[in-house]
Amino acid sequence: MIRVAVLSGLGHAIFVAVGLLVYVMGTRIGHQRRHPSAAMGWVLGIVTFPYLVVPLFLLFGTRKFARPARRPHGPPLEATEGGPPWATRLLASLELAPAVRNAQVVLHADGTQALQGLLATIASARHRLDLCTYVFAYDEVGREVARALLDCVHRGVRVRLLVDALGSMRTPPGMLRALRRQGLQVRRFMPLLHNPLHGRTNLRNHRKLVVADGERLWSGGRNLACEYFIDRPGHPAWADLSYEVHGPLAAQAQAQFATDWRVARGLVLRRRRKARSTAAPALPAPPAHGPLAQWLPSGPDHADDTVHALLLAAAYHAQRRIVAVTPYFVPDDALLDAWCLACRRGVQVSVVVPARSNHRLADLARERALRQLAAAGARVWLSPAMVHAKAVLIDDELALVGSLNLDARSLFLNYEAMTVFYGPQELHWLAQWSDQLLASARPYHARAPSWLRDVIEGVVRSVGFQL
């Protein structure tokens, strides 16, 4: 009996050791950078509940693909003309496409305008239309978009639809099958079962974009569901941001979609692997004095956490103000500390979040960060309505708008896409929009949590937003 117990204990210890070895090797070989609390959570989980946590790590634990090799160090990079040199030089060093001038930029003031712009973008396609979304709901908006896509197919347009498997779990499979039967090319990104990239189930495509012929782009934070566009009795449309761009920025977004389309098929991209070209077709020369904007993707397909890097740099370069609008605020310690330091050197930091979001766990996890910011002198505002917009304004120099939430999952795990706007008209519009949002919000008053509440907040923050 004692011998059986000893052998059982030895077997358990060996399994724990192997689990820890799998974690270390999986993390180091893939060059994955984890927040200390996330790493501690995985290690403690493997030691305490190895038979549960080791399979979970193999299924969900992968953070990035193997990091692509960077270009050899060369001469100093030239800053894009028209943007702040500290930002454009940084983004160039992260091997991102430069800022381009476009014929037109339209920011949507409400859901009605956003839906009209979306349908107009789809209707404008003559040869090719690419659509990527996190949520494709089977509701009034989803069905209207589906009909618009089928109209494209019927007039000879090649249509590709990429939906995130987890985000669109409630989309009836029959809806996607019907679209596929009628001529759409449809792929689901990282399905929970039958995933072509095993061990990457934790990676989600949160990008939202529609590109027509590489010339016209619709993008932002809105998913394809009623709550993002339409007021209903007792349920007003969520406050959100989307935009249209006519010009070369659309070609950059189309190249991004082509990459995501290949990944959804199971083709992991490597910088050193010769891959098929995803370049957009040649377009007319951009206007000399149009709105200046830059496509800013972030996610496991990049060697660096690009948006996080820009937000950190902006915190140290800002002179007057930082305004952030986000539905979920669970930043990592580095970004939170940078914003607190910005407050202490006189920068006015304002953060707008919904008083109650659609995710209760996110509201629990954000409290520590909000208290710390408020203590440093930031202004935190609670909007009475649900805010789903994602925007950050830095002085009068640049603004970021897109799909990325200010939480660790969006910053370090998800495939995300932002656009950096440098033009004075776009910055003025966004400043006015954020002022209107602030006018309807109430100030946040920090309260010291109870011991139990503090523990719960810490657990939710570590488990829900960093593992």
Protein backbone atom coordinates (compact mmCIF):
# COMPACT_ATOMS: atom_id res chain seq x y z
CA MET A 1 0.00 0.00 0.00
CA ILE A 2 2.82 2.37 0.91
CA ARG A 3 4.64 1.42 -2.28
CA VAL A 4 1.55 2.27 -4.38
CA ALA A 5 1.23 5.62 -2.63
CA VAL A 6 4.92 6.37 -3.22
CA LEU A 7 4.64 5.46 -6.91
CA SER A 8 1.47 7.53 -7.25
CA GLY A 9 3.17 10.52 -5.64
CA LEU A 10 6.20 10.05 -7.85
CA GLY A 11 4.02 9.92 -10.94
CA HIS A 12 2.23 13.10 -9.87
CA ALA A 13 5.55 14.88 -9.29
CA ILE A 14 6.81 13.77 -12.70
CA PHE A 15 3.62 15.06 -14.37
CA VAL A 16 3.99 18.42 -12.61
CA ALA A 17 7.65 18.64 -13.65
CA VAL A 18 6.80 17.79 -17.24
CA GLY A 19 4.01 20.39 -17.18
CA LEU A 20 6.40 23.06 -15.96
CA LEU A 21 8.92 22.02 -18.60
CA VAL A 22 6.22 22.31 -21.29
CA TYR A 23 5.39 25.81 -20.04
CA VAL A 24 9.03 26.93 -19.99
CA MET A 25 9.84 25.43 -23.39
CA GLY A 26 6.63 26.68 -24.99
CA THR A 27 7.25 30.18 -23.68
CA ARG A 28 10.96 30.41 -24.40
CA ILE A 29 11.01 28.71 -27.81
CA GLY A 30 8.22 30.98 -29.03
CA HIS A 31 9.93 34.07 -27.55
CA GLN A 32 6.73 34.90 -25.69
CA ARG A 33 6.77 37.82 -23.30
CA ARG A 34 4.28 37.52 -20.45
CA HIS A 35 3.31 39.86 -17.68
CA PRO A 36 4.76 38.58 -14.35
CA SER A 37 1.31 38.04 -12.85
CA ALA A 38 0.26 36.01 -15.90
CA ALA A 39 3.39 33.87 -15.70
CA MET A 40 2.87 33.34 -11.98
CA GLY A 41 -0.75 32.37 -12.61
CA TRP A 42 0.20 29.68 -15.10
CA VAL A 43 3.01 28.31 -12.92
CA LEU A 44 0.88 28.18 -9.75
CA GLY A 45 -1.95 26.61 -11.74
CA ILE A 46 0.32 23.89 -13.13
CA VAL A 47 1.69 23.11 -9.67
CA THR A 48 -1.70 23.14 -7.91
CA PHE A 49 -4.03 21.67 -10.55
CA PRO A 50 -1.69 20.09 -13.11
CA TYR A 51 -4.21 17.72 -14.72
CA LEU A 52 -6.51 20.64 -15.52
CA VAL A 53 -4.08 23.48 -16.22
CA VAL A 54 -1.54 21.67 -18.44
CA PRO A 55 -4.19 20.78 -21.06
CA LEU A 56 -5.56 24.35 -20.79
CA PHE A 57 -2.10 25.77 -21.44
CA LEU A 58 -1.63 23.54 -24.48
CA LEU A 59 -5.02 24.67 -25.79
CA PHE A 60 -5.08 28.36 -24.82
CA GLY A 61 -1.62 29.31 -23.60
CA THR A 62 0.09 30.33 -26.82
CA ARG A 63 0.56 34.07 -26.91
CA LYS A 64 2.37 34.70 -30.19
CA PHE A 65 3.72 32.75 -33.10
CA ALA A 66 7.47 32.54 -33.41
CA ARG A 67 8.60 36.14 -33.52
CA PRO A 68 9.65 37.15 -37.04
CA ALA A 69 13.19 38.32 -37.59
CA ARG A 70 13.67 42.06 -37.73
CA ARG A 71 15.51 43.83 -40.50
CA PRO A 72 19.23 44.42 -39.96
CA HIS A 73 20.03 47.73 -38.32
CA GLY A 74 20.41 50.40 -40.98
CA PRO A 75 20.59 54.17 -41.27
CA PRO A 76 18.23 56.30 -39.16
CA LEU A 77 14.64 56.16 -40.39
CA GLU A 78 13.07 59.31 -41.77
CA ALA A 79 9.92 60.58 -40.05
CA THR A 80 6.77 60.87 -42.14
CA GLU A 81 6.19 64.47 -43.16
CA GLY A 82 3.15 65.89 -41.43
CA GLY A 83 3.16 63.68 -38.33
CA PRO A 84 5.07 64.12 -35.05
CA PRO A 85 8.60 62.76 -35.65
CA TRP A 86 8.69 60.82 -32.37
CA ALA A 87 5.61 58.80 -33.44
CA THR A 88 6.30 58.28 -37.15
CA ARG A 89 9.94 57.36 -36.50
CA LEU A 90 8.89 54.84 -33.86
CA LEU A 91 6.28 53.22 -36.10
CA ALA A 92 8.80 53.05 -38.96
CA SER A 93 11.22 51.22 -36.65
CA LEU A 94 8.46 48.68 -35.94
CA GLU A 95 8.42 47.92 -39.69
CA LEU A 96 4.94 49.30 -40.29
CA ALA A 97 3.75 50.91 -43.50
CA PRO A 98 4.23 54.70 -43.47
CA ALA A 99 1.47 57.25 -43.12
CA VAL A 100 -0.25 58.12 -46.39
CA ARG A 101 -2.39 60.98 -47.64
CA ASN A 102 -5.91 60.07 -48.70
CA ALA A 103 -8.64 61.65 -50.77
CA GLN A 104 -11.24 61.66 -47.99
CA VAL A 105 -11.80 60.64 -44.36
CA VAL A 106 -15.30 60.46 -42.86
CA LEU A 107 -15.78 59.82 -39.14
CA HIS A 108 -19.24 58.56 -38.20
CA ALA A 109 -21.17 60.57 -35.63
CA ASP A 110 -23.72 57.83 -34.90
CA GLY A 111 -24.81 54.32 -35.78
CA THR A 112 -27.15 55.43 -38.59
CA GLN A 113 -24.33 57.19 -40.43
CA ALA A 114 -22.01 54.26 -39.77
CA LEU A 115 -24.46 51.73 -41.23
CA GLN A 116 -25.04 53.90 -44.28
CA GLY A 117 -21.29 54.15 -44.80
CA LEU A 118 -20.87 50.39 -44.39
CA LEU A 119 -23.55 49.56 -46.96
CA ALA A 120 -22.23 52.23 -49.34
CA THR A 121 -18.73 50.74 -49.11
CA ILE A 122 -20.09 47.27 -49.92
CA ALA A 123 -22.19 48.63 -52.80
CA SER A 124 -19.18 50.46 -54.27
CA ALA A 125 -17.17 47.28 -54.88
CA ARG A 126 -16.65 46.46 -58.55
CA HIS A 127 -14.08 43.64 -58.49
CA ARG A 128 -13.21 42.59 -54.94
CA LEU A 129 -14.67 43.02 -51.47
CA ASP A 130 -13.06 41.83 -48.22
CA LEU A 131 -14.89 41.88 -44.87
CA CYS A 132 -13.44 40.94 -41.48
CA THR A 133 -15.46 41.11 -38.26
CA TYR A 134 -15.42 39.74 -34.74
CA VAL A 135 -19.22 39.44 -34.37
CA PHE A 136 -21.57 38.72 -37.27
CA ALA A 137 -24.99 38.57 -35.62
CA TYR A 138 -28.12 36.96 -37.02
CA ASP A 139 -30.26 40.05 -36.49
CA GLU A 140 -31.56 42.99 -38.51
CA VAL A 141 -28.11 44.43 -39.19
CA GLY A 142 -26.46 41.07 -39.86
CA ARG A 143 -29.15 40.05 -42.34
CA GLU A 144 -28.98 43.43 -44.12
CA VAL A 145 -25.22 43.13 -44.48
CA ALA A 146 -25.59 39.53 -45.70
CA ARG A 147 -28.03 40.67 -48.40
CA ALA A 148 -25.60 43.42 -49.46
CA LEU A 149 -22.79 40.87 -49.75
CA LEU A 150 -24.97 38.59 -51.89
CA ASP A 151 -25.81 41.53 -54.14
CA CYS A 152 -22.07 41.96 -54.68
CA VAL A 153 -21.70 38.31 -55.64
CA HIS A 154 -24.61 38.50 -58.07
CA ARG A 155 -22.97 41.38 -59.95
CA GLY A 156 -19.68 39.48 -60.27
CA VAL A 157 -17.68 40.81 -57.31
CA ARG A 158 -15.32 38.40 -55.55
CA VAL A 159 -16.37 38.52 -51.87
CA ARG A 160 -14.36 37.11 -48.95
CA LEU A 161 -15.84 37.01 -45.44
CA LEU A 162 -13.65 36.34 -42.39
CA VAL A 163 -15.38 35.97 -39.01
CA ASP A 164 -13.82 35.16 -35.67
CA ALA A 165 -15.00 31.74 -34.51
CA LEU A 166 -15.41 32.71 -30.85
CA GLY A 167 -16.85 36.17 -31.43
CA SER A 168 -19.45 34.79 -33.84
CA MET A 169 -20.35 31.68 -31.86
CA ARG A 170 -24.00 32.77 -31.85
CA THR A 171 -24.08 33.12 -35.62
CA PRO A 172 -26.12 30.17 -36.91
CA PRO A 173 -23.85 27.85 -38.92
CA GLY A 174 -26.62 27.62 -41.48
CA MET A 175 -26.29 31.36 -42.19
CA LEU A 176 -22.62 31.04 -43.10
CA ARG A 177 -23.26 27.85 -45.08
CA ALA A 178 -26.01 29.61 -47.05
CA LEU A 179 -23.66 32.49 -47.88
CA ARG A 180 -20.99 30.03 -48.97
CA ARG A 181 -23.43 28.12 -51.20
CA GLN A 182 -24.39 31.35 -52.95
CA GLY A 183 -20.84 32.24 -53.89
CA LEU A 184 -19.15 33.93 -50.90
CA GLN A 185 -15.78 32.68 -49.73
CA VAL A 186 -16.18 32.26 -45.95
CA ARG A 187 -13.60 31.37 -43.31
CA ARG A 188 -13.81 31.16 -39.53
CA PHE A 189 -10.75 32.41 -37.66
CA MET A 190 -9.28 30.02 -35.05
CA PRO A 191 -12.26 27.67 -34.55
CA LEU A 192 -12.42 26.05 -31.12
CA LEU A 193 -12.59 22.62 -32.75
CA HIS A 194 -10.65 21.53 -35.84
CA ASN A 195 -8.32 24.49 -35.52
CA PRO A 196 -5.68 24.33 -38.28
CA LEU A 197 -3.17 26.01 -35.96
CA HIS A 198 -3.19 23.73 -32.93
CA GLY A 199 -2.56 25.43 -29.58
CA ARG A 200 -3.60 28.88 -30.89
CA THR A 201 -7.24 28.76 -29.80
CA ASN A 202 -6.61 31.62 -27.36
CA LEU A 203 -5.77 33.98 -30.22
CA ARG A 204 -8.76 35.93 -31.52
CA ASN A 205 -9.16 38.21 -34.55
CA HIS A 206 -10.81 41.34 -33.18
CA ARG A 207 -10.23 43.45 -36.31
CA LYS A 208 -13.19 45.07 -38.07
CA LEU A 209 -12.70 46.19 -41.63
CA VAL A 210 -14.41 46.26 -45.02
CA VAL A 211 -12.30 47.01 -48.11
CA ALA A 212 -13.70 47.59 -51.60
CA ASP A 213 -11.24 47.21 -54.50
CA GLY A 214 -8.32 48.36 -52.35
CA GLU A 215 -9.64 51.92 -52.71
CA ARG A 216 -12.31 52.37 -50.05
CA LEU A 217 -12.09 51.32 -46.40
CA TRP A 218 -14.71 51.09 -43.64
CA SER A 219 -13.29 50.27 -40.21
CA GLY A 220 -13.40 51.08 -36.49
CA GLY A 221 -14.83 49.43 -33.39
CA ARG A 222 -18.31 48.40 -34.53
CA ASN A 223 -19.24 44.74 -34.89
CA LEU A 224 -22.02 43.68 -37.25
CA ALA A 225 -24.92 43.59 -34.81
CA CYS A 226 -27.91 45.81 -34.00
CA GLU A 227 -26.57 47.22 -30.72
CA TYR A 228 -23.72 48.96 -32.57
CA PHE A 229 -25.98 50.80 -35.03
CA ILE A 230 -29.68 50.95 -34.17
CA ASP A 231 -31.67 52.43 -31.29
CA ARG A 232 -34.33 50.04 -30.02
CA PRO A 233 -37.02 50.57 -27.34
CA GLY A 234 -35.22 50.60 -24.00
CA HIS A 235 -31.90 49.76 -25.69
CA PRO A 236 -30.20 52.76 -27.31
CA ALA A 237 -27.34 52.04 -29.69
CA TRP A 238 -23.95 51.88 -28.02
CA ALA A 239 -21.62 54.87 -28.31
CA ASP A 240 -19.01 53.72 -30.80
CA LEU A 241 -16.63 54.98 -33.48
CA SER A 242 -16.12 53.96 -37.07
CA TYR A 243 -14.85 55.73 -40.16
CA GLU A 244 -14.42 55.58 -43.92
CA VAL A 245 -11.25 56.32 -45.82
CA HIS A 246 -10.97 56.75 -49.59
CA GLY A 247 -7.35 56.39 -50.59
CA PRO A 248 -4.13 54.40 -50.15
CA LEU A 249 -4.91 53.48 -46.52
CA ALA A 250 -7.49 51.07 -47.95
CA ALA A 251 -4.75 49.25 -49.84
CA GLN A 252 -2.81 48.77 -46.58
CA ALA A 253 -5.93 47.38 -44.91
CA GLN A 254 -6.52 45.03 -47.84
CA ALA A 255 -2.98 43.67 -47.52
CA GLN A 256 -3.70 43.11 -43.83
CA PHE A 257 -6.85 41.17 -44.67
CA ALA A 258 -4.97 38.98 -47.14
CA THR A 259 -2.52 38.03 -44.39
CA ASP A 260 -5.33 37.21 -41.95
CA TRP A 261 -7.10 35.17 -44.63
CA ARG A 262 -4.01 32.98 -45.06
CA VAL A 263 -3.61 32.55 -41.29
CA ALA A 264 -7.25 31.44 -41.01
CA ARG A 265 -6.46 28.73 -43.53
CA GLY A 266 -3.67 27.46 -41.28
CA LEU A 267 -0.67 29.06 -42.96
CA VAL A 268 1.54 30.53 -40.23
CA LEU A 269 3.56 33.38 -41.67
CA ARG A 270 7.30 33.68 -41.24
CA ARG A 271 9.38 36.62 -42.37
CA ARG A 272 12.01 34.29 -43.81
CA ARG A 273 9.54 32.07 -45.63
CA LYS A 274 8.84 33.04 -49.20
CA ALA A 275 5.11 33.67 -49.26
CA ARG A 276 2.67 34.70 -51.93
CA SER A 277 2.47 38.43 -52.39
CA THR A 278 -0.40 40.12 -50.54
CA ALA A 279 0.24 43.53 -52.03
CA ALA A 280 -2.77 45.52 -53.17
CA PRO A 281 -3.13 46.41 -56.85
CA ALA A 282 -1.47 49.57 -58.09
CA LEU A 283 -3.53 52.66 -57.32
CA PRO A 284 -3.44 56.25 -58.60
CA ALA A 285 -0.99 58.57 -56.90
CA PRO A 286 -2.30 59.85 -53.53
CA PRO A 287 -3.38 63.48 -53.24
CA ALA A 288 -0.67 65.91 -52.25
CA HIS A 289 -2.62 67.57 -49.45
CA GLY A 290 -5.24 65.03 -48.33
CA PRO A 291 -5.83 63.75 -44.76
CA LEU A 292 -2.77 61.97 -43.36
CA ALA A 293 -3.41 58.59 -41.75
CA GLN A 294 -1.45 55.43 -40.90
CA TRP A 295 -2.61 51.81 -40.61
CA LEU A 296 -1.53 50.40 -37.24
CA PRO A 297 -2.09 46.65 -36.82
CA SER A 298 -1.21 44.85 -33.61
CA GLY A 299 -1.19 41.21 -32.65
CA PRO A 300 0.59 37.84 -32.81
CA ASP A 301 1.57 38.44 -36.44
CA HIS A 302 3.98 41.23 -35.45
CA ALA A 303 7.34 41.05 -33.74
CA ASP A 304 6.41 43.92 -31.42
CA ASP A 305 3.32 44.98 -29.50
CA THR A 306 2.94 47.96 -31.78
CA VAL A 307 0.00 49.85 -30.27
CA HIS A 308 1.34 49.33 -26.75
CA ALA A 309 4.71 50.72 -27.85
CA LEU A 310 3.09 53.82 -29.36
CA LEU A 311 0.92 54.42 -26.27
CA LEU A 312 3.97 54.19 -24.00
CA ALA A 313 5.94 56.61 -26.16
CA ALA A 314 2.96 58.97 -26.31
CA ALA A 315 2.70 59.01 -22.51
CA TYR A 316 6.22 60.37 -22.29
CA HIS A 317 5.90 62.83 -25.20
CA ALA A 318 2.50 64.30 -24.37
CA GLN A 319 2.67 67.89 -23.18
CA ARG A 320 -0.92 68.92 -22.62
CA ARG A 321 -3.47 66.13 -22.64
CA ILE A 322 -4.21 62.44 -23.10
CA VAL A 323 -7.86 61.50 -23.66
CA ALA A 324 -8.76 57.81 -23.73
CA VAL A 325 -12.17 56.31 -24.46
CA THR A 326 -12.56 52.57 -23.98
CA PRO A 327 -15.22 50.08 -22.90
CA TYR A 328 -12.79 47.99 -20.84
CA PHE A 329 -9.83 49.48 -18.95
CA VAL A 330 -7.40 46.85 -17.68
CA PRO A 331 -3.97 48.11 -18.81
CA ASP A 332 -0.67 46.47 -17.93
CA ASP A 333 1.47 48.01 -15.20
CA ALA A 334 3.88 49.70 -17.64
CA LEU A 335 1.17 51.69 -19.42
CA LEU A 336 -0.63 52.50 -16.18
CA ASP A 337 2.59 53.78 -14.58
CA ALA A 338 3.40 55.84 -17.67
CA TRP A 339 0.02 57.57 -17.54
CA CYS A 340 0.37 58.20 -13.81
CA LEU A 341 3.78 59.78 -14.42
CA ALA A 342 2.24 61.91 -17.18
CA CYS A 343 -0.31 63.18 -14.65
CA ARG A 344 2.42 64.09 -12.18
CA ARG A 345 4.33 66.15 -14.74
CA GLY A 346 1.24 68.20 -15.56
CA VAL A 347 -0.42 66.36 -18.46
CA GLN A 348 -4.21 66.23 -18.14
CA VAL A 349 -5.14 62.55 -18.47
CA SER A 350 -8.85 61.84 -18.98
CA VAL A 351 -10.31 58.34 -19.21
CA VAL A 352 -13.92 57.67 -20.22
CA VAL A 353 -15.48 54.26 -19.52
CA PRO A 354 -19.09 53.13 -19.26
CA ALA A 355 -20.53 53.24 -15.74
CA ARG A 356 -21.49 49.63 -16.35
CA SER A 357 -20.24 47.76 -19.39
CA ASN A 358 -21.65 44.63 -20.99
CA HIS A 359 -18.98 42.55 -19.18
CA ARG A 360 -19.26 42.49 -15.40
CA LEU A 361 -15.82 40.91 -14.99
CA ALA A 362 -14.26 43.79 -16.92
CA ASP A 363 -15.89 46.25 -14.53
CA LEU A 364 -14.40 44.36 -11.56
CA ALA A 365 -10.95 44.10 -13.11
CA ARG A 366 -10.68 47.81 -13.95
CA GLU A 367 -11.12 49.18 -10.42
CA ARG A 368 -7.48 48.93 -9.33
CA ALA A 369 -6.28 50.81 -12.40
CA LEU A 370 -8.96 53.49 -12.07
CA ARG A 371 -8.13 54.07 -8.40
CA GLN A 372 -4.44 54.37 -9.18
CA LEU A 373 -5.06 56.83 -12.01
CA ALA A 374 -7.41 58.93 -9.89
CA ALA A 375 -4.85 59.04 -7.09
CA ALA A 376 -2.25 60.35 -9.56
CA GLY A 377 -4.55 63.20 -10.59
CA ALA A 378 -6.27 61.83 -13.70
CA ARG A 379 -9.88 62.61 -14.47
CA VAL A 380 -11.95 59.44 -14.77
CA TRP A 381 -15.44 59.71 -16.21
CA LEU A 382 -18.32 57.21 -16.14
CA SER A 383 -20.69 57.35 -19.08
CA PRO A 384 -24.31 56.46 -18.27
CA ALA A 385 -24.71 54.56 -21.56
CA MET A 386 -22.65 51.69 -22.90
CA VAL A 387 -19.50 52.99 -24.60
CA HIS A 388 -17.86 50.61 -27.07
CA ALA A 389 -15.65 53.18 -28.82
CA LYS A 390 -11.87 52.83 -28.73
CA ALA A 391 -9.99 56.10 -29.14
CA VAL A 392 -6.91 57.82 -27.71
CA LEU A 393 -6.03 61.48 -28.38
CA ILE A 394 -2.53 62.84 -27.70
CA ASP A 395 -2.32 66.65 -27.52
CA ASP A 396 -3.17 68.04 -30.96
CA GLU A 397 -0.67 65.73 -32.67
CA LEU A 398 -2.37 62.39 -33.27
CA ALA A 399 -5.37 60.22 -32.46
CA LEU A 400 -5.85 56.46 -32.55
CA VAL A 401 -9.22 54.95 -33.52
CA GLY A 402 -10.02 51.31 -34.18
CA SER A 403 -10.71 47.95 -32.56
CA LEU A 404 -8.24 47.81 -29.64
CA ASN A 405 -9.55 47.99 -26.07
CA LEU A 406 -7.24 49.22 -23.32
CA ASP A 407 -6.93 45.84 -21.66
CA ALA A 408 -4.17 43.26 -21.65
CA ARG A 409 -6.00 40.87 -23.98
CA SER A 410 -6.35 43.49 -26.72
CA LEU A 411 -2.88 44.91 -26.14
CA PHE A 412 -0.99 41.60 -26.16
CA LEU A 413 -3.16 38.71 -27.41
CA ASN A 414 -5.75 39.71 -30.00
CA TYR A 415 -5.29 40.55 -33.64
CA GLU A 416 -6.27 44.24 -33.62
CA ALA A 417 -6.23 47.19 -36.03
CA MET A 418 -6.08 50.91 -35.28
CA THR A 419 -5.70 53.90 -37.56
CA VAL A 420 -3.52 56.83 -36.52
CA PHE A 421 -4.96 60.13 -37.69
CA TYR A 422 -2.59 63.10 -37.96
CA GLY A 423 -4.79 65.62 -39.80
CA PRO A 424 -6.09 68.72 -37.96
CA GLN A 425 -9.67 68.20 -39.16
CA GLU A 426 -9.83 64.63 -37.87
CA LEU A 427 -8.21 65.61 -34.57
CA HIS A 428 -10.67 68.50 -34.13
CA TRP A 429 -13.64 66.23 -34.89
CA LEU A 430 -12.48 63.62 -32.39
CA ALA A 431 -11.80 66.24 -29.71
CA GLN A 432 -15.33 67.59 -30.10
CA TRP A 433 -16.78 64.08 -30.06
CA SER A 434 -14.93 63.20 -26.84
CA ASP A 435 -16.00 66.52 -25.23
CA GLN A 436 -19.65 65.65 -25.94
CA LEU A 437 -19.12 62.24 -24.36
CA LEU A 438 -17.55 63.86 -21.29
CA ALA A 439 -20.45 66.31 -20.98
CA SER A 440 -22.91 63.49 -20.38
CA ALA A 441 -20.65 61.51 -18.01
CA ARG A 442 -20.25 61.78 -14.25
CA PRO A 443 -16.92 61.88 -12.40
CA TYR A 444 -15.56 58.70 -10.88
CA HIS A 445 -14.92 58.78 -7.12
CA ALA A 446 -12.42 56.21 -5.90
CA ARG A 447 -13.30 54.23 -2.80
CA ALA A 448 -10.99 52.00 -0.80
CA PRO A 449 -12.07 48.38 -1.38
CA SER A 450 -12.69 45.81 1.32
CA TRP A 451 -10.14 43.05 1.73
CA LEU A 452 -12.40 40.55 -0.02
CA ARG A 453 -13.18 42.94 -2.87
CA ASP A 454 -9.47 43.63 -3.40
CA VAL A 455 -8.72 39.90 -3.61
CA ILE A 456 -11.56 39.33 -6.08
CA GLU A 457 -10.40 42.22 -8.27
CA GLY A 458 -6.86 40.84 -8.33
CA VAL A 459 -8.00 37.33 -9.27
CA VAL A 460 -10.29 38.57 -12.04
CA ARG A 461 -7.57 40.85 -13.41
CA SER A 462 -4.99 38.04 -13.53
CA VAL A 463 -7.17 35.20 -14.74
CA GLY A 464 -9.61 36.98 -17.00
CA PHE A 465 -7.35 39.51 -18.72
CA GLN A 466 -3.79 38.23 -18.67
CA LEU A 467 -3.77 34.46 -19.04
